[in-house]
């Protein structure tokens, strides 16, 4: 849900560019229903989450978007996330 909110903010902020999400929710979080007796096994998958380690890149914007537009867009995305973020620029090719 947080990744989806960030994706929507990125797509609206840079409609002419291309938005890449660099993480995918692979891990399932399960839960058993309330008032269920012990020993009935593992519950059904409740939702899916992505394990994000420090230093990993979450969003990428490409497609010839100017840097000021990308900064503004990713700042809006950062407001949706519950972690500290920073803007990283790709090095120029030699």
PDB file of N, CA and C in Angstrom:
ATOM      1  N   UNK A   1       0.822  -1.193   0.000  1.00  0.00           N
ATOM      2  CA  UNK A   1       0.000   0.000   0.000  1.00  0.00           C
ATOM      3  C   UNK A   1       0.867   1.259   0.000  1.00  0.00           C
ATOM      4  N   UNK A   2       1.980   1.223   0.725  1.00  0.00           N
ATOM      5  CA  UNK A   2       2.877   2.377   0.744  1.00  0.00           C
ATOM      6  C   UNK A   2       3.595   2.490  -0.596  1.00  0.00           C
ATOM      7  N   UNK A   3       4.006   1.349  -1.158  1.00  0.00           N
ATOM      8  CA  UNK A   3       4.651   1.370  -2.467  1.00  0.00           C
ATOM      9  C   UNK A   3       3.680   1.844  -3.541  1.00  0.00           C
ATOM     10  N   UNK A   4       2.440   1.446  -3.435  1.00  0.00           N
ATOM     11  CA  UNK A   4       1.444   1.872  -4.416  1.00  0.00           C
ATOM     12  C   UNK A   4       1.187   3.372  -4.319  1.00  0.00           C
ATOM     13  N   UNK A   5       1.134   3.908  -3.115  1.00  0.00           N
ATOM     14  CA  UNK A   5       0.951   5.348  -2.946  1.00  0.00           C
ATOM     15  C   UNK A   5       2.141   6.109  -3.530  1.00  0.00           C
ATOM     16  N   UNK A   6       3.347   5.591  -3.330  1.00  0.00           N
ATOM     17  CA  UNK A   6       4.529   6.206  -3.914  1.00  0.00           C
ATOM     18  C   UNK A   6       4.521   6.126  -5.428  1.00  0.00           C
ATOM     19  N   UNK A   7       4.075   4.995  -5.959  1.00  0.00           N
ATOM     20  CA  UNK A   7       4.011   4.841  -7.413  1.00  0.00           C
ATOM     21  C   UNK A   7       3.039   5.829  -8.038  1.00  0.00           C
ATOM     22  N   UNK A   8       1.880   5.992  -7.416  1.00  0.00           N
ATOM     23  CA  UNK A   8       0.882   6.928  -7.935  1.00  0.00           C
ATOM     24  C   UNK A   8       1.422   8.354  -7.903  1.00  0.00           C
ATOM     25  N   UNK A   9       2.095   8.723  -6.815  1.00  0.00           N
ATOM     26  CA  UNK A   9       2.675  10.066  -6.715  1.00  0.00           C
ATOM     27  C   UNK A   9       3.753  10.275  -7.770  1.00  0.00           C
ATOM     28  N   UNK A  10       4.549   9.250  -8.051  1.00  0.00           N
ATOM     29  CA  UNK A  10       5.622   9.367  -9.040  1.00  0.00           C
ATOM     30  C   UNK A  10       5.063   9.480 -10.452  1.00  0.00           C
ATOM     31  N   UNK A  11       4.041   8.700 -10.756  1.00  0.00           N
ATOM     32  CA  UNK A  11       3.460   8.738 -12.099  1.00  0.00           C
ATOM     33  C   UNK A  11       2.765  10.076 -12.349  1.00  0.00           C
ATOM     34  N   UNK A  12       2.107  10.605 -11.339  1.00  0.00           N
ATOM     35  CA  UNK A  12       1.446  11.904 -11.502  1.00  0.00           C
ATOM     36  C   UNK A  12       2.444  13.051 -11.561  1.00  0.00           C
ATOM     37  N   UNK A  13       3.568  12.903 -10.872  1.00  0.00           N
ATOM     38  CA  UNK A  13       4.553  13.978 -10.846  1.00  0.00           C
ATOM     39  C   UNK A  13       5.371  14.073 -12.113  1.00  0.00           C
ATOM     40  N   UNK A  14       5.636  12.936 -12.749  1.00  0.00           N
ATOM     41  CA  UNK A  14       6.435  12.920 -13.975  1.00  0.00           C
ATOM     42  C   UNK A  14       5.696  12.106 -15.038  1.00  0.00           C
ATOM     43  N   UNK A  15       4.622  12.656 -15.620  1.00  0.00           N
ATOM     44  CA  UNK A  15       3.828  11.867 -16.567  1.00  0.00           C
ATOM     45  C   UNK A  15       4.567  11.557 -17.866  1.00  0.00           C
ATOM     46  N   UNK A  16       5.534  12.386 -18.240  1.00  0.00           N
ATOM     47  CA  UNK A  16       6.254  12.138 -19.491  1.00  0.00           C
ATOM     48  C   UNK A  16       7.417  11.176 -19.311  1.00  0.00           C
ATOM     49  N   UNK A  17       7.772  10.866 -18.068  1.00  0.00           N
ATOM     50  CA  UNK A  17       8.906   9.979 -17.791  1.00  0.00           C
ATOM     51  C   UNK A  17       8.465   8.553 -17.528  1.00  0.00           C
ATOM     52  N   UNK A  18       9.448   7.743 -17.212  1.00  0.00           N
ATOM     53  CA  UNK A  18       9.212   6.330 -16.917  1.00  0.00           C
ATOM     54  C   UNK A  18       9.584   6.078 -15.466  1.00  0.00           C
ATOM     55  N   UNK A  19       8.688   5.441 -14.706  1.00  0.00           N
ATOM     56  CA  UNK A  19       8.909   5.181 -13.284  1.00  0.00           C
ATOM     57  C   UNK A  19       9.196   3.695 -13.091  1.00  0.00           C
ATOM     58  N   UNK A  20      10.311   3.395 -12.419  1.00  0.00           N
ATOM     59  CA  UNK A  20      10.689   2.022 -12.117  1.00  0.00           C
ATOM     60  C   UNK A  20      10.634   1.825 -10.604  1.00  0.00           C
ATOM     61  N   UNK A  21       9.998   0.738 -10.175  1.00  0.00           N
ATOM     62  CA  UNK A  21       9.995   0.367  -8.759  1.00  0.00           C
ATOM     63  C   UNK A  21      11.001  -0.765  -8.609  1.00  0.00           C
ATOM     64  N   UNK A  22      12.003  -0.568  -7.784  1.00  0.00           N
ATOM     65  CA  UNK A  22      13.129  -1.497  -7.712  1.00  0.00           C
ATOM     66  C   UNK A  22      12.956  -2.589  -6.664  1.00  0.00           C
ATOM     67  N   UNK A  23      11.866  -2.586  -5.920  1.00  0.00           N
ATOM     68  CA  UNK A  23      11.599  -3.640  -4.938  1.00  0.00           C
ATOM     69  C   UNK A  23      10.270  -4.307  -5.293  1.00  0.00           C
ATOM     70  N   UNK A  24      10.106  -5.542  -4.855  1.00  0.00           N
ATOM     71  CA  UNK A  24       8.868  -6.282  -5.106  1.00  0.00           C
ATOM     72  C   UNK A  24       8.458  -6.999  -3.830  1.00  0.00           C
ATOM     73  N   UNK A  25       7.174  -6.979  -3.493  1.00  0.00           N
ATOM     74  CA  UNK A  25       6.718  -7.658  -2.268  1.00  0.00           C
ATOM     75  C   UNK A  25       6.662  -9.179  -2.452  1.00  0.00           C
ATOM     76  N   UNK A  26       7.716  -9.882  -2.025  1.00  0.00           N
ATOM     77  CA  UNK A  26       7.807 -11.326  -2.156  1.00  0.00           C
ATOM     78  C   UNK A  26       7.351 -12.067  -0.904  1.00  0.00           C
ATOM     79  N   UNK A  27       7.431 -11.415   0.244  1.00  0.00           N
ATOM     80  CA  UNK A  27       7.204 -12.104   1.509  1.00  0.00           C
ATOM     81  C   UNK A  27       5.736 -12.029   1.910  1.00  0.00           C
ATOM     82  N   UNK A  28       5.158 -13.172   2.206  1.00  0.00           N
ATOM     83  CA  UNK A  28       3.763 -13.192   2.635  1.00  0.00           C
ATOM     84  C   UNK A  28       3.692 -13.129   4.157  1.00  0.00           C
ATOM     85  N   UNK A  29       2.723 -12.392   4.655  1.00  0.00           N
ATOM     86  CA  UNK A  29       2.477 -12.295   6.088  1.00  0.00           C
ATOM     87  C   UNK A  29       1.147 -12.990   6.336  1.00  0.00           C
ATOM     88  N   UNK A  30       1.181 -14.015   7.180  1.00  0.00           N
ATOM     89  CA  UNK A  30      -0.018 -14.814   7.409  1.00  0.00           C
ATOM     90  C   UNK A  30      -0.609 -14.505   8.780  1.00  0.00           C
ATOM     91  N   UNK A  31      -1.881 -14.816   8.911  1.00  0.00           N
ATOM     92  CA  UNK A  31      -2.531 -14.671  10.211  1.00  0.00           C
ATOM     93  C   UNK A  31      -3.696 -15.645  10.284  1.00  0.00           C
ATOM     94  N   UNK A  32      -3.922 -16.153  11.481  1.00  0.00           N
ATOM     95  CA  UNK A  32      -5.067 -17.035  11.696  1.00  0.00           C
ATOM     96  C   UNK A  32      -6.244 -16.190  12.172  1.00  0.00           C
ATOM     97  N   UNK A  33      -7.451 -16.634  11.900  1.00  0.00           N
ATOM     98  CA  UNK A  33      -8.618 -15.869  12.343  1.00  0.00           C
ATOM     99  C   UNK A  33      -8.686 -15.769  13.867  1.00  0.00           C
ATOM    100  N   UNK A  34      -9.387 -14.776  14.354  1.00  0.00           N
ATOM    101  CA  UNK A  34      -9.576 -14.607  15.792  1.00  0.00           C
ATOM    102  C   UNK A  34     -10.404 -15.763  16.344  1.00  0.00           C
ATOM    103  N   UNK A  35     -10.174 -16.070  17.617  1.00  0.00           N
ATOM    104  CA  UNK A  35     -10.900 -17.109  18.345  1.00  0.00           C
ATOM    105  C   UNK A  35     -10.766 -18.485  17.697  1.00  0.00           C
ATOM    106  N   UNK A  36      -9.556 -18.774  17.195  1.00  0.00           N
ATOM    107  CA  UNK A  36      -9.272 -20.094  16.643  1.00  0.00           C
ATOM    108  C   UNK A  36      -8.399 -20.835  17.646  1.00  0.00           C
ATOM    109  N   UNK A  37      -8.677 -22.109  17.857  1.00  0.00           N
ATOM    110  CA  UNK A  37      -7.906 -22.878  18.822  1.00  0.00           C
ATOM    111  C   UNK A  37      -6.489 -23.114  18.324  1.00  0.00           C
ATOM    112  N   UNK A  38      -5.608 -23.394  19.281  1.00  0.00           N
ATOM    113  CA  UNK A  38      -4.205 -23.647  18.958  1.00  0.00           C
ATOM    114  C   UNK A  38      -4.062 -24.968  18.206  1.00  0.00           C
ATOM    115  N   UNK A  39      -3.043 -25.052  17.354  1.00  0.00           N
ATOM    116  CA  UNK A  39      -2.728 -26.299  16.686  1.00  0.00           C
ATOM    117  C   UNK A  39      -3.444 -26.536  15.379  1.00  0.00           C
ATOM    118  N   UNK A  40      -4.049 -25.531  14.815  1.00  0.00           N
ATOM    119  CA  UNK A  40      -4.760 -25.710  13.548  1.00  0.00           C
ATOM    120  C   UNK A  40      -3.880 -25.393  12.352  1.00  0.00           C
ATOM    121  N   UNK A  41      -2.611 -25.149  12.563  1.00  0.00           N
ATOM    122  CA  UNK A  41      -1.708 -24.893  11.443  1.00  0.00           C
ATOM    123  C   UNK A  41      -1.538 -23.405  11.158  1.00  0.00           C
ATOM    124  N   UNK A  42      -0.812 -23.160  10.084  1.00  0.00           N
ATOM    125  CA  UNK A  42      -0.515 -21.779   9.710  1.00  0.00           C
ATOM    126  C   UNK A  42      -1.716 -21.165   9.007  1.00  0.00           C
ATOM    127  N   UNK A  43      -1.913 -19.882   9.197  1.00  0.00           N
ATOM    128  CA  UNK A  43      -3.062 -19.208   8.615  1.00  0.00           C
ATOM    129  C   UNK A  43      -2.877 -18.889   7.141  1.00  0.00           C
ATOM    130  N   UNK A  44      -3.904 -18.317   6.574  1.00  0.00           N
ATOM    131  CA  UNK A  44      -3.879 -17.903   5.161  1.00  0.00           C
ATOM    132  C   UNK A  44      -3.053 -16.633   5.016  1.00  0.00           C
ATOM    133  N   UNK A  45      -2.467 -16.412   3.835  1.00  0.00           N
ATOM    134  CA  UNK A  45      -1.727 -15.159   3.618  1.00  0.00           C
ATOM    135  C   UNK A  45      -2.659 -13.956   3.772  1.00  0.00           C
ATOM    136  N   UNK A  46      -2.255 -13.032   4.626  1.00  0.00           N
ATOM    137  CA  UNK A  46      -3.050 -11.844   4.903  1.00  0.00           C
ATOM    138  C   UNK A  46      -2.680 -10.719   3.935  1.00  0.00           C
ATOM    139  N   UNK A  47      -1.370 -10.484   3.778  1.00  0.00           N
ATOM    140  CA  UNK A  47      -0.887  -9.491   2.820  1.00  0.00           C
ATOM    141  C   UNK A  47       0.559  -9.806   2.470  1.00  0.00           C
ATOM    142  N   UNK A  48       1.106  -9.101   1.512  1.00  0.00           N
ATOM    143  CA  UNK A  48       2.469  -9.305   1.038  1.00  0.00           C
ATOM    144  C   UNK A  48       3.294  -8.073   1.359  1.00  0.00           C
ATOM    145  N   UNK A  49       4.568  -8.279   1.707  1.00  0.00           N
ATOM    146  CA  UNK A  49       5.428  -7.147   2.035  1.00  0.00           C
ATOM    147  C   UNK A  49       6.789  -7.320   1.371  1.00  0.00           C
ATOM    148  N   UNK A  50       7.476  -6.219   1.203  1.00  0.00           N
ATOM    149  CA  UNK A  50       8.821  -6.218   0.636  1.00  0.00           C
ATOM    150  C   UNK A  50       9.817  -5.973   1.760  1.00  0.00           C
ATOM    151  N   UNK A  51      10.859  -6.769   1.804  1.00  0.00           N
ATOM    152  CA  UNK A  51      11.916  -6.581   2.788  1.00  0.00           C
ATOM    153  C   UNK A  51      12.908  -5.590   2.188  1.00  0.00           C
ATOM    154  N   UNK A  52      13.001  -4.409   2.788  1.00  0.00           N
ATOM    155  CA  UNK A  52      13.856  -3.344   2.260  1.00  0.00           C
ATOM    156  C   UNK A  52      14.988  -3.114   3.240  1.00  0.00           C
ATOM    157  N   UNK A  53      16.206  -3.337   2.786  1.00  0.00           N
ATOM    158  CA  UNK A  53      17.376  -3.148   3.630  1.00  0.00           C
ATOM    159  C   UNK A  53      17.914  -1.737   3.451  1.00  0.00           C
ATOM    160  N   UNK A  54      18.631  -1.213   4.439  1.00  0.00           N
ATOM    161  CA  UNK A  54      19.183   0.138   4.310  1.00  0.00           C
ATOM    162  C   UNK A  54      20.117   0.247   3.109  1.00  0.00           C
ATOM    163  N   UNK A  55      19.970   1.326   2.387  1.00  0.00           N
ATOM    164  CA  UNK A  55      20.810   1.570   1.224  1.00  0.00           C
ATOM    165  C   UNK A  55      20.233   1.067  -0.083  1.00  0.00           C
ATOM    166  N   UNK A  56      19.097   0.405  -0.050  1.00  0.00           N
ATOM    167  CA  UNK A  56      18.521  -0.098  -1.291  1.00  0.00           C
ATOM    168  C   UNK A  56      17.719   0.996  -1.985  1.00  0.00           C
ATOM    169  N   UNK A  57      17.693   0.933  -3.303  1.00  0.00           N
ATOM    170  CA  UNK A  57      17.003   1.924  -4.107  1.00  0.00           C
ATOM    171  C   UNK A  57      15.553   1.474  -4.295  1.00  0.00           C
ATOM    172  N   UNK A  58      14.615   2.360  -4.040  1.00  0.00           N
ATOM    173  CA  UNK A  58      13.206   1.997  -4.135  1.00  0.00           C
ATOM    174  C   UNK A  58      12.591   2.428  -5.461  1.00  0.00           C
ATOM    175  N   UNK A  59      12.787   3.675  -5.837  1.00  0.00           N
ATOM    176  CA  UNK A  59      12.185   4.215  -7.055  1.00  0.00           C
ATOM    177  C   UNK A  59      13.261   4.786  -7.961  1.00  0.00           C
ATOM    178  N   UNK A  60      12.996   4.697  -9.261  1.00  0.00           N
ATOM    179  CA  UNK A  60      13.905   5.259 -10.257  1.00  0.00           C
ATOM    180  C   UNK A  60      13.054   5.930 -11.318  1.00  0.00           C
ATOM    181  N   UNK A  61      13.490   7.107 -11.749  1.00  0.00           N
ATOM    182  CA  UNK A  61      12.768   7.830 -12.792  1.00  0.00           C
ATOM    183  C   UNK A  61      13.707   8.011 -13.969  1.00  0.00           C
ATOM    184  N   UNK A  62      13.248   7.651 -15.156  1.00  0.00           N
ATOM    185  CA  UNK A  62      14.046   7.775 -16.368  1.00  0.00           C
ATOM    186  C   UNK A  62      13.211   8.353 -17.490  1.00  0.00           C
ATOM    187  N   UNK A  63      13.757   8.293 -18.672  1.00  0.00           N
ATOM    188  CA  UNK A  63      13.013   8.748 -19.832  1.00  0.00           C
ATOM    189  C   UNK A  63      13.199  10.215 -20.144  1.00  0.00           C
ATOM    190  N   UNK A  64      14.352  10.763 -19.821  1.00  0.00           N
ATOM    191  CA  UNK A  64      14.623  12.151 -20.192  1.00  0.00           C
ATOM    192  C   UNK A  64      13.914  13.188 -19.346  1.00  0.00           C
ATOM    193  N   UNK A  65      13.625  12.872 -18.118  1.00  0.00           N
ATOM    194  CA  UNK A  65      12.981  13.830 -17.217  1.00  0.00           C
ATOM    195  C   UNK A  65      14.054  14.778 -16.680  1.00  0.00           C
ATOM    196  N   UNK A  66      13.811  16.094 -16.712  1.00  0.00           N
ATOM    197  CA  UNK A  66      14.798  17.023 -16.145  1.00  0.00           C
ATOM    198  C   UNK A  66      15.001  16.779 -14.649  1.00  0.00           C
ATOM    199  N   UNK A  67      16.190  17.135 -14.165  1.00  0.00           N
ATOM    200  CA  UNK A  67      16.537  16.834 -12.778  1.00  0.00           C
ATOM    201  C   UNK A  67      15.633  17.550 -11.787  1.00  0.00           C
ATOM    202  N   UNK A  68      15.253  18.793 -12.078  1.00  0.00           N
ATOM    203  CA  UNK A  68      14.400  19.517 -11.132  1.00  0.00           C
ATOM    204  C   UNK A  68      13.015  18.887 -11.017  1.00  0.00           C
ATOM    205  N   UNK A  69      12.485  18.384 -12.128  1.00  0.00           N
ATOM    206  CA  UNK A  69      11.182  17.702 -12.085  1.00  0.00           C
ATOM    207  C   UNK A  69      11.309  16.380 -11.319  1.00  0.00           C
ATOM    208  N   UNK A  70      12.408  15.662 -11.550  1.00  0.00           N
ATOM    209  CA  UNK A  70      12.618  14.392 -10.847  1.00  0.00           C
ATOM    210  C   UNK A  70      12.766  14.617  -9.348  1.00  0.00           C
ATOM    211  N   UNK A  71      13.509  15.651  -8.948  1.00  0.00           N
ATOM    212  CA  UNK A  71      13.663  15.968  -7.525  1.00  0.00           C
ATOM    213  C   UNK A  71      12.319  16.279  -6.874  1.00  0.00           C
ATOM    214  N   UNK A  72      11.538  17.101  -7.555  1.00  0.00           N
ATOM    215  CA  UNK A  72      10.227  17.501  -7.027  1.00  0.00           C
ATOM    216  C   UNK A  72       9.305  16.276  -6.895  1.00  0.00           C
ATOM    217  N   UNK A  73       9.338  15.419  -7.907  1.00  0.00           N
ATOM    218  CA  UNK A  73       8.496  14.226  -7.897  1.00  0.00           C
ATOM    219  C   UNK A  73       8.910  13.268  -6.792  1.00  0.00           C
ATOM    220  N   UNK A  74      10.200  13.009  -6.670  1.00  0.00           N
ATOM    221  CA  UNK A  74      10.658  12.064  -5.653  1.00  0.00           C
ATOM    222  C   UNK A  74      10.517  12.625  -4.240  1.00  0.00           C
ATOM    223  N   UNK A  75      10.461  13.939  -4.113  1.00  0.00           N
ATOM    224  CA  UNK A  75      10.183  14.523  -2.802  1.00  0.00           C
ATOM    225  C   UNK A  75       8.739  14.220  -2.388  1.00  0.00           C
ATOM    226  N   UNK A  76       7.828  14.257  -3.358  1.00  0.00           N
ATOM    227  CA  UNK A  76       6.436  13.891  -3.072  1.00  0.00           C
ATOM    228  C   UNK A  76       6.328  12.413  -2.706  1.00  0.00           C
ATOM    229  N   UNK A  77       7.122  11.591  -3.390  1.00  0.00           N
ATOM    230  CA  UNK A  77       7.128  10.160  -3.087  1.00  0.00           C
ATOM    231  C   UNK A  77       7.669   9.925  -1.683  1.00  0.00           C
ATOM    232  N   UNK A  78       8.708  10.674  -1.290  1.00  0.00           N
ATOM    233  CA  UNK A  78       9.323  10.499   0.025  1.00  0.00           C
ATOM    234  C   UNK A  78       8.349  10.815   1.155  1.00  0.00           C
ATOM    235  N   UNK A  79       7.404  11.712   0.908  1.00  0.00           N
ATOM    236  CA  UNK A  79       6.408  12.034   1.937  1.00  0.00           C
ATOM    237  C   UNK A  79       5.479  10.854   2.211  1.00  0.00           C
ATOM    238  N   UNK A  80       5.350   9.940   1.255  1.00  0.00           N
ATOM    239  CA  UNK A  80       4.477   8.776   1.430  1.00  0.00           C
ATOM    240  C   UNK A  80       5.167   7.638   2.189  1.00  0.00           C
ATOM    241  N   UNK A  81       6.501   7.665   2.243  1.00  0.00           N
ATOM    242  CA  UNK A  81       7.257   6.552   2.825  1.00  0.00           C
ATOM    243  C   UNK A  81       7.536   6.782   4.308  1.00  0.00           C
ATOM    244  N   UNK A  82       7.565   5.723   5.110  1.00  0.00           N
ATOM    245  CA  UNK A  82       7.814   5.872   6.545  1.00  0.00           C
ATOM    246  C   UNK A  82       9.300   5.855   6.914  1.00  0.00           C
ATOM    247  N   UNK A  83      10.186   6.045   5.948  1.00  0.00           N
ATOM    248  CA  UNK A  83      11.629   5.995   6.200  1.00  0.00           C
ATOM    249  C   UNK A  83      12.290   7.257   5.661  1.00  0.00           C
ATOM    250  N   UNK A  84      13.530   7.488   6.101  1.00  0.00           N
ATOM    251  CA  UNK A  84      14.307   8.608   5.570  1.00  0.00           C
ATOM    252  C   UNK A  84      14.808   8.240   4.179  1.00  0.00           C
ATOM    253  N   UNK A  85      14.732   9.176   3.261  1.00  0.00           N
ATOM    254  CA  UNK A  85      15.158   8.921   1.892  1.00  0.00           C
ATOM    255  C   UNK A  85      16.131   9.998   1.437  1.00  0.00           C
ATOM    256  N   UNK A  86      16.786   9.722   0.329  1.00  0.00           N
ATOM    257  CA  UNK A  86      17.643  10.735  -0.285  1.00  0.00           C
ATOM    258  C   UNK A  86      17.616  10.552  -1.793  1.00  0.00           C
ATOM    259  N   UNK A  87      17.908  11.634  -2.494  1.00  0.00           N
ATOM    260  CA  UNK A  87      17.920  11.656  -3.945  1.00  0.00           C
ATOM    261  C   UNK A  87      19.325  11.294  -4.417  1.00  0.00           C
ATOM    262  N   UNK A  88      19.428  10.306  -5.286  1.00  0.00           N
ATOM    263  CA  UNK A  88      20.723   9.868  -5.814  1.00  0.00           C
ATOM    264  C   UNK A  88      20.695  10.058  -7.321  1.00  0.00           C
ATOM    265  N   UNK A  89      21.743  10.684  -7.840  1.00  0.00           N
ATOM    266  CA  UNK A  89      21.835  10.945  -9.269  1.00  0.00           C
ATOM    267  C   UNK A  89      22.864   9.996  -9.879  1.00  0.00           C
ATOM    268  N   UNK A  90      22.549   9.461 -11.032  1.00  0.00           N
ATOM    269  CA  UNK A  90      23.469   8.550 -11.712  1.00  0.00           C
ATOM    270  C   UNK A  90      24.664   9.337 -12.238  1.00  0.00           C
ATOM    271  N   UNK A  91      25.821   8.715 -12.158  1.00  0.00           N
ATOM    272  CA  UNK A  91      27.035   9.367 -12.648  1.00  0.00           C
ATOM    273  C   UNK A  91      26.986   9.481 -14.168  1.00  0.00           C
ATOM    274  N   UNK A  92      27.639  10.518 -14.690  1.00  0.00           N
ATOM    275  CA  UNK A  92      27.696  10.711 -16.134  1.00  0.00           C
ATOM    276  C   UNK A  92      28.576   9.640 -16.764  1.00  0.00           C
ATOM    277  N   UNK A  93      28.204   9.203 -17.957  1.00  0.00           N
ATOM    278  CA  UNK A  93      28.997   8.201 -18.666  1.00  0.00           C
ATOM    279  C   UNK A  93      30.250   8.863 -19.214  1.00  0.00           C
ATOM    280  N   UNK A  94      31.342   8.097 -19.242  1.00  0.00           N
ATOM    281  CA  UNK A  94      32.602   8.659 -19.733  1.00  0.00           C
ATOM    282  C   UNK A  94      32.799   8.421 -21.193  1.00  0.00           C
TER     283      UNK A  94
END
